[in-house]
Amino acid sequence: MADQHHIKARVLLKKYTEGSCTEEEKAWVEEWYLALDHKIDDLSDKQVQEDLYELRSRLLKIPTQKSISKTYIRAIAAILFVVLTATTLILWNKKAGEEMVSSGALTARQDFMPGTNRATLSFDDDEEIELSGQQEGVINDGTAIVYSDGTAIIAVEKVQMATLRTPVAGQYQVVLPDGTKVWLNAVSSIRYPTAFTNNERLVEVTGEVYLEVAHDAHKPFIVQTDQQRIEVLGTSFNIDAYGDNGQTLTTLTNGIIRIQHSELGNQVELRPGQQAVVEYRKEITVRKVDTDEVSSWKDGLYIVNNEPLGQYARKIERWYDVEVVMPFHSNKRLSAIIPRSARLSEVLQAIELKTGVKFTIEGRRVLAKK
């Protein structure tokens, strides 16, 4: 018999795709797909297939219903991905045995869990404080730094520089002294003063961060990376400063920001839906992008749209703490919606289903077969 999540989901999905959900019910569906229990082995093959076909048919109807937002369409698509992956694995296991999770010979012992809430906090580069993995983030109110639930971490007796840093397979959030909200992806950091006492709010970031900047017309917010300086008053934007392909990517969700090349000095202003590409010794270029795709990681998804496998492999490495070796398929394109809560085996299974590329795992090395 299906568990209570699946029973509730069947009822709500009908309302959801018809556009008749309440706001609470819509929120429940989005939370449900992120926390979806993959243990559906108690369903018969026929039941699993019927659920899959039902979800697929509902998904196909969604584009004709203009009242349903793009976010909700993607939530359903993510549910479909999880169910499709779990179904494929169940049917395969019944044929190939409990140890196998894909035709690429990935054993259960070789699987890897996704990243979690992990970070460290330091002051003026002193010894690091290991932050709780049971918490989502920290709040700095100028007098103390506490966890999101109010649990105290440390008192702030003087203005000093704080650095929040995430490791491989880590993520965390921080609310800065001015109320600005920051999400850090894996292998990222933000350095900021414990109180903004100057005539500007200056922070330094590495890796990938998403910021919702608190408005202050008299005190501009400045973000510094290796390749650029960004000035804003109050807005939301994503910075990808990992340096993949030698590029720093800044994507604006709303508001206006001004970006200056640290080396060449040229400037551009971004409007919502635009992305600035900053490269070494090259003029800044601007292009239109889907902002939901770019910042989906902070909401627990990877929305991959015609992305080269070699590029997506870098995200897998940072989120699962593995090395991906892909000498023959880097330029193959992938389009998928993948929950960041999925196990590595499920992600590789999805890639195989979409592209035909098969993988093996040796230790922490993922190798794409020729």
Protein backbone atom coordinates (compact mmCIF):
# COMPACT_ATOMS: atom_id res chain seq x y z
CA MET A 1 0.00 0.00 0.00
CA ALA A 2 1.30 3.46 -0.83
CA ASP A 3 2.56 5.56 2.06
CA GLN A 4 0.74 8.66 3.25
CA HIS A 5 2.92 10.98 1.13
CA HIS A 6 1.81 9.27 -2.07
CA ILE A 7 -1.84 9.17 -1.01
CA LYS A 8 -1.85 12.89 -0.20
CA ALA A 9 0.13 13.64 -3.35
CA ARG A 10 -2.41 11.98 -5.64
CA VAL A 11 -5.19 14.16 -4.22
CA LEU A 12 -3.21 17.38 -4.32
CA LEU A 13 -1.61 16.81 -7.72
CA LYS A 14 -5.05 16.77 -9.36
CA LYS A 15 -5.91 20.12 -7.77
CA TYR A 16 -2.39 21.38 -8.47
CA THR A 17 -2.48 20.71 -12.22
CA GLU A 18 -6.01 22.14 -12.43
CA GLY A 19 -4.86 25.32 -10.70
CA SER A 20 -7.29 24.93 -7.80
CA CYS A 21 -4.77 24.50 -4.95
CA THR A 22 -4.66 26.94 -2.07
CA GLU A 23 -1.36 28.69 -1.42
CA GLU A 24 -0.72 26.32 1.50
CA GLU A 25 -1.37 23.29 -0.70
CA LYS A 26 0.94 24.64 -3.41
CA ALA A 27 3.65 25.11 -0.80
CA TRP A 28 3.07 21.56 0.46
CA VAL A 29 3.58 20.12 -3.02
CA GLU A 30 6.89 21.97 -3.44
CA GLU A 31 8.09 20.82 -0.01
CA TRP A 32 6.89 17.28 -0.72
CA TYR A 33 8.96 16.76 -3.85
CA LEU A 34 12.13 17.85 -2.01
CA ALA A 35 11.47 15.49 0.91
CA LEU A 36 9.98 12.69 -1.18
CA ASP A 37 10.55 9.26 0.31
CA HIS A 38 12.18 7.12 -2.38
CA LYS A 39 11.38 3.84 -0.59
CA ILE A 40 8.43 2.76 -2.68
CA ASP A 41 9.40 -0.90 -2.90
CA ASP A 42 6.08 -1.84 -1.25
CA LEU A 43 4.29 -0.85 -4.48
CA SER A 44 3.76 -3.52 -7.12
CA ASP A 45 5.23 -2.98 -10.58
CA LYS A 46 1.78 -2.24 -11.96
CA GLN A 47 1.01 0.34 -9.29
CA VAL A 48 4.35 2.07 -9.80
CA GLN A 49 3.82 2.24 -13.54
CA GLU A 50 0.27 3.57 -13.15
CA ASP A 51 1.52 6.35 -10.84
CA LEU A 52 4.25 7.20 -13.32
CA TYR A 53 1.87 7.36 -16.29
CA GLU A 54 -0.57 9.48 -14.28
CA LEU A 55 2.14 11.99 -13.34
CA ARG A 56 3.43 12.09 -16.91
CA SER A 57 -0.03 12.78 -18.35
CA ARG A 58 -0.62 15.59 -15.85
CA LEU A 59 2.76 17.10 -16.61
CA LEU A 60 2.00 17.17 -20.33
CA LYS A 61 -1.23 19.09 -19.68
CA ILE A 62 0.42 21.84 -17.63
CA PRO A 63 1.77 24.07 -20.48
CA THR A 64 -1.79 24.74 -21.69
CA GLN A 65 -2.83 26.13 -18.31
CA LYS A 66 -1.49 29.68 -18.18
CA SER A 67 -2.64 30.26 -14.62
CA ILE A 68 0.01 27.88 -13.25
CA SER A 69 3.40 29.51 -12.78
CA LYS A 70 6.72 28.25 -14.14
CA THR A 71 7.86 27.43 -10.61
CA TYR A 72 4.93 25.06 -10.09
CA ILE A 73 5.47 23.42 -13.49
CA ARG A 74 9.04 22.70 -12.48
CA ALA A 75 7.95 21.33 -9.13
CA ILE A 76 5.79 18.74 -10.90
CA ALA A 77 8.62 17.98 -13.31
CA ALA A 78 10.94 17.36 -10.37
CA ILE A 79 8.39 14.98 -8.84
CA LEU A 80 8.25 13.16 -12.15
CA PHE A 81 12.04 12.87 -12.20
CA VAL A 82 12.16 11.33 -8.73
CA VAL A 83 9.37 8.85 -9.43
CA LEU A 84 10.83 7.96 -12.84
CA THR A 85 14.26 7.32 -11.34
CA ALA A 86 12.91 5.31 -8.42
CA THR A 87 10.68 3.28 -10.74
CA THR A 88 13.54 2.49 -13.10
CA LEU A 89 15.73 1.40 -10.20
CA ILE A 90 13.03 -0.87 -8.75
CA LEU A 91 12.34 -2.58 -12.06
CA TRP A 92 16.05 -2.98 -12.73
CA ASN A 93 16.74 -4.41 -9.27
CA LYS A 94 14.09 -7.09 -9.80
CA LYS A 95 15.99 -8.19 -12.90
CA ALA A 96 19.62 -7.66 -11.93
CA GLY A 97 19.62 -8.19 -8.16
CA GLU A 98 19.55 -5.99 -5.09
CA GLU A 99 23.20 -4.89 -5.39
CA MET A 100 22.79 -3.18 -8.76
CA VAL A 101 21.29 0.29 -9.19
CA SER A 102 21.97 0.88 -12.87
CA SER A 103 23.18 -0.76 -16.04
CA GLY A 104 26.44 1.13 -15.53
CA ALA A 105 27.33 -1.34 -12.73
CA LEU A 106 27.06 1.09 -9.80
CA THR A 107 26.77 -0.94 -6.61
CA ALA A 108 24.94 0.21 -3.50
CA ARG A 109 28.25 0.31 -1.61
CA GLN A 110 29.55 2.87 -4.10
CA ASP A 111 26.66 5.30 -3.82
CA PHE A 112 27.11 8.80 -2.42
CA MET A 113 24.67 11.00 -0.58
CA PRO A 114 24.16 14.63 -1.64
CA GLY A 115 25.58 17.59 0.20
CA THR A 116 24.14 18.93 3.46
CA ASN A 117 24.17 22.06 5.63
CA ARG A 118 27.87 22.40 6.49
CA ALA A 119 29.96 25.50 7.11
CA THR A 120 32.58 27.14 9.30
CA LEU A 121 32.70 30.66 10.76
CA SER A 122 35.86 32.60 11.58
CA PHE A 123 36.74 36.15 12.67
CA ASP A 124 39.69 38.13 11.34
CA ASP A 125 41.02 34.80 10.07
CA ASP A 126 41.21 33.32 13.59
CA GLU A 127 40.41 29.68 14.38
CA GLU A 128 37.27 28.42 12.65
CA ILE A 129 34.03 27.50 14.42
CA GLU A 130 32.35 24.39 13.03
CA LEU A 131 28.66 25.25 12.56
CA SER A 132 25.80 22.87 13.24
CA GLY A 133 24.63 20.72 10.35
CA GLN A 134 21.18 20.64 11.95
CA GLN A 135 20.77 24.36 11.21
CA GLU A 136 20.17 26.10 7.86
CA GLY A 137 22.09 29.26 8.60
CA VAL A 138 23.13 32.04 10.93
CA ILE A 139 21.96 35.59 11.68
CA ASN A 140 24.30 38.47 12.49
CA ASP A 141 22.41 41.31 14.18
CA GLY A 142 25.45 43.43 14.98
CA THR A 143 25.67 42.40 18.65
CA ALA A 144 25.69 38.61 18.34
CA ILE A 145 25.68 35.79 15.84
CA VAL A 146 22.96 33.19 16.35
CA TYR A 147 21.51 30.26 14.42
CA SER A 148 18.31 30.75 12.45
CA ASP A 149 16.27 29.34 15.35
CA GLY A 150 17.80 31.86 17.80
CA THR A 151 20.37 29.55 19.44
CA ALA A 152 23.40 31.64 20.40
CA ILE A 153 26.80 31.05 18.78
CA ILE A 154 28.97 33.96 19.83
CA ALA A 155 28.64 37.55 21.08
CA VAL A 156 30.07 40.32 18.90
CA GLU A 157 31.94 42.75 21.17
CA LYS A 158 33.63 44.80 18.45
CA VAL A 159 33.42 45.30 14.71
CA GLN A 160 35.57 42.72 12.98
CA MET A 161 35.63 40.77 9.73
CA ALA A 162 33.73 37.49 9.72
CA THR A 163 34.08 34.76 7.12
CA LEU A 164 31.43 32.11 6.49
CA ARG A 165 32.82 29.26 4.39
CA THR A 166 31.24 26.08 2.99
CA PRO A 167 33.26 22.97 2.08
CA VAL A 168 32.75 20.52 -0.77
CA ALA A 169 29.23 19.04 -0.41
CA GLY A 170 28.16 21.87 1.90
CA GLN A 171 25.67 24.74 1.80
CA TYR A 172 24.61 27.42 4.31
CA GLN A 173 22.79 30.72 4.70
CA VAL A 174 23.57 33.95 6.52
CA VAL A 175 21.64 37.13 7.31
CA LEU A 176 24.05 40.06 7.37
CA PRO A 177 23.86 42.96 9.88
CA ASP A 178 21.80 45.10 7.46
CA GLY A 179 19.23 42.33 6.86
CA THR A 180 20.70 41.17 3.53
CA LYS A 181 20.11 37.43 3.00
CA VAL A 182 22.84 35.29 1.47
CA TRP A 183 22.77 31.66 0.30
CA LEU A 184 26.13 29.90 -0.14
CA ASN A 185 26.54 26.92 -2.46
CA ALA A 186 29.29 24.31 -1.98
CA VAL A 187 32.95 25.48 -1.86
CA SER A 188 31.93 29.12 -1.38
CA SER A 189 32.55 31.91 1.10
CA ILE A 190 31.51 35.40 2.12
CA ARG A 191 33.66 37.81 4.13
CA TYR A 192 31.82 40.71 5.75
CA PRO A 193 32.07 43.11 8.73
CA THR A 194 30.00 42.24 11.80
CA ALA A 195 28.53 45.76 11.52
CA PHE A 196 28.35 48.10 8.52
CA THR A 197 29.79 51.31 9.96
CA ASN A 198 31.23 52.88 6.79
CA ASN A 199 29.41 54.73 4.00
CA GLU A 200 29.19 51.54 1.96
CA ARG A 201 28.43 47.87 2.70
CA LEU A 202 31.37 45.93 1.30
CA VAL A 203 31.55 42.11 1.20
CA GLU A 204 33.83 39.67 -0.61
CA VAL A 205 32.61 36.37 -2.06
CA THR A 206 34.04 33.27 -3.68
CA GLY A 207 32.32 30.28 -5.28
CA GLU A 208 28.58 30.68 -5.82
CA VAL A 209 26.22 32.82 -3.75
CA TYR A 210 22.72 34.21 -4.09
CA LEU A 211 21.96 37.56 -2.43
CA GLU A 212 18.77 39.39 -1.53
CA VAL A 213 20.16 42.80 -0.66
CA ALA A 214 18.36 44.99 1.88
CA HIS A 215 17.61 48.43 0.43
CA ASP A 216 19.56 51.41 1.75
CA ALA A 217 19.64 54.40 -0.60
CA HIS A 218 22.36 56.10 1.47
CA LYS A 219 24.70 53.13 1.79
CA PRO A 220 25.33 51.15 -1.43
CA PHE A 221 26.03 47.44 -1.19
CA ILE A 222 29.31 46.38 -2.83
CA VAL A 223 30.27 42.81 -3.71
CA GLN A 224 33.89 42.12 -4.60
CA THR A 225 35.12 38.98 -6.42
CA ASP A 226 38.45 38.21 -8.04
CA GLN A 227 37.33 39.55 -11.41
CA GLN A 228 34.68 42.16 -10.69
CA ARG A 229 33.11 44.73 -8.39
CA ILE A 230 29.31 44.88 -8.16
CA GLU A 231 27.39 47.88 -6.80
CA VAL A 232 23.72 47.71 -5.80
CA LEU A 233 21.19 49.54 -3.62
CA GLY A 234 18.68 46.74 -3.08
CA THR A 235 18.12 43.77 -5.34
CA SER A 236 18.43 39.98 -5.80
CA PHE A 237 21.12 38.33 -7.87
CA ASN A 238 23.30 35.23 -8.24
CA ILE A 239 27.10 35.24 -8.50
CA ASP A 240 28.94 32.21 -9.87
CA ALA A 241 32.62 32.92 -9.23
CA TYR A 242 33.85 29.32 -9.36
CA GLY A 243 35.78 30.22 -12.49
CA ASP A 244 34.57 27.25 -14.55
CA ASN A 245 35.68 27.92 -18.14
CA GLY A 246 37.53 30.98 -16.81
CA GLN A 247 34.28 32.91 -16.35
CA THR A 248 32.53 34.74 -13.52
CA LEU A 249 28.77 34.87 -14.08
CA THR A 250 26.47 37.40 -12.41
CA THR A 251 22.73 37.01 -12.99
CA LEU A 252 20.16 39.62 -11.96
CA THR A 253 16.74 38.55 -10.69
CA ASN A 254 15.35 42.00 -9.92
CA GLY A 255 16.53 45.57 -9.44
CA ILE A 256 19.59 47.08 -11.12
CA ILE A 257 23.27 46.40 -10.52
CA ARG A 258 26.44 47.93 -11.93
CA ILE A 259 29.40 45.63 -12.62
CA GLN A 260 32.97 46.80 -13.10
CA HIS A 261 35.75 44.61 -14.50
CA SER A 262 38.51 44.54 -11.85
CA GLU A 263 41.29 44.47 -14.44
CA LEU A 264 39.99 46.39 -17.48
CA GLY A 265 37.75 48.85 -15.62
CA ASN A 266 34.84 48.76 -18.07
CA GLN A 267 31.32 48.79 -16.58
CA VAL A 268 27.89 47.44 -17.48
CA GLU A 269 24.46 47.81 -15.90
CA LEU A 270 22.30 44.71 -15.66
CA ARG A 271 18.52 44.57 -15.90
CA PRO A 272 16.40 41.66 -14.59
CA GLY A 273 16.89 38.53 -16.69
CA GLN A 274 20.39 39.50 -17.81
CA GLN A 275 23.69 37.81 -17.02
CA ALA A 276 27.13 39.42 -17.13
CA VAL A 277 30.07 37.26 -18.23
CA VAL A 278 33.43 38.43 -16.91
CA GLU A 279 36.63 36.85 -18.24
CA TYR A 280 40.33 37.56 -17.86
CA ARG A 281 41.44 40.36 -20.20
CA LYS A 282 38.10 40.44 -22.04
CA GLU A 283 35.37 43.08 -22.09
CA ILE A 284 32.28 42.24 -20.04
CA THR A 285 29.53 40.71 -22.16
CA VAL A 286 25.82 40.60 -21.32
CA ARG A 287 23.26 37.97 -22.34
CA LYS A 288 19.66 37.07 -21.50
CA VAL A 289 19.11 33.97 -19.36
CA ASP A 290 16.40 32.20 -17.41
CA THR A 291 17.02 33.39 -13.85
CA ASP A 292 15.06 30.48 -12.36
CA GLU A 293 17.49 28.04 -13.94
CA VAL A 294 20.54 29.92 -12.67
CA SER A 295 19.41 30.27 -9.04
CA SER A 296 17.43 27.02 -8.71
CA TRP A 297 20.23 25.49 -6.61
CA LYS A 298 19.22 27.59 -3.60
CA ASP A 299 15.71 26.12 -3.75
CA GLY A 300 16.97 22.53 -3.82
CA LEU A 301 17.03 21.90 -7.59
CA TYR A 302 19.37 21.74 -10.52
CA ILE A 303 17.49 22.95 -13.59
CA VAL A 304 19.72 21.86 -16.46
CA ASN A 305 18.77 23.20 -19.89
CA ASN A 306 20.88 21.98 -22.82
CA GLU A 307 23.99 22.12 -20.63
CA PRO A 308 27.22 20.36 -21.67
CA LEU A 309 27.82 17.26 -19.55
CA GLY A 310 31.34 18.44 -18.82
CA GLN A 311 29.94 21.61 -17.25
CA TYR A 312 27.31 19.79 -15.19
CA ALA A 313 30.03 17.38 -14.04
CA ARG A 314 31.68 20.23 -12.12
CA LYS A 315 28.44 20.70 -10.14
CA ILE A 316 28.33 16.99 -9.38
CA GLU A 317 31.90 17.14 -8.08
CA ARG A 318 31.19 20.02 -5.72
CA TRP A 319 27.90 18.63 -4.42
CA TYR A 320 28.86 14.96 -3.96
CA ASP A 321 32.58 15.35 -3.18
CA VAL A 322 33.68 13.12 -6.05
CA GLU A 323 35.88 13.46 -9.13
CA VAL A 324 34.13 13.07 -12.48
CA VAL A 325 36.28 11.90 -15.39
CA MET A 326 34.54 12.44 -18.73
CA PRO A 327 37.08 12.40 -21.58
CA PHE A 328 34.65 11.39 -24.34
CA HIS A 329 31.27 12.97 -23.55
CA SER A 330 31.97 16.48 -22.24
CA ASN A 331 30.17 18.16 -25.14
CA LYS A 332 27.01 16.03 -24.99
CA ARG A 333 24.01 18.10 -23.90
CA LEU A 334 21.73 17.42 -20.95
CA SER A 335 18.28 18.82 -20.14
CA ALA A 336 16.77 17.72 -16.84
CA ILE A 337 15.36 18.88 -13.53
CA ILE A 338 17.26 17.13 -10.74
CA PRO A 339 16.57 17.56 -7.01
CA ARG A 340 19.76 18.26 -5.09
CA SER A 341 18.48 15.74 -2.52
CA ALA A 342 18.93 12.87 -5.01
CA ARG A 343 21.65 10.30 -4.39
CA LEU A 344 24.55 10.23 -6.83
CA SER A 345 23.40 6.90 -8.29
CA GLU A 346 20.01 8.45 -9.11
CA VAL A 347 21.65 11.42 -10.81
CA LEU A 348 23.90 9.18 -12.91
CA GLN A 349 20.92 6.97 -13.75
CA ALA A 350 19.00 10.04 -14.97
CA ILE A 351 21.94 11.16 -17.12
CA GLU A 352 22.19 7.66 -18.62
CA LEU A 353 18.47 7.62 -19.43
CA LYS A 354 18.66 11.06 -21.08
CA THR A 355 21.99 10.74 -22.92
CA GLY A 356 22.96 7.06 -23.06
CA VAL A 357 26.25 7.76 -21.26
CA LYS A 358 27.11 4.99 -18.77
CA PHE A 359 29.22 5.39 -15.63
CA THR A 360 31.33 3.35 -13.23
CA ILE A 361 32.54 4.39 -9.78
CA GLU A 362 35.97 3.59 -8.41
CA GLY A 363 36.38 4.95 -4.89
CA ARG A 364 35.42 8.61 -5.18
CA ARG A 365 36.07 8.65 -8.94
CA VAL A 366 33.15 8.64 -11.39
CA LEU A 367 34.22 7.51 -14.84
CA ALA A 368 32.09 7.95 -17.96
CA LYS A 369 32.47 4.97 -20.25
CA LYS A 370 33.57 5.45 -23.84
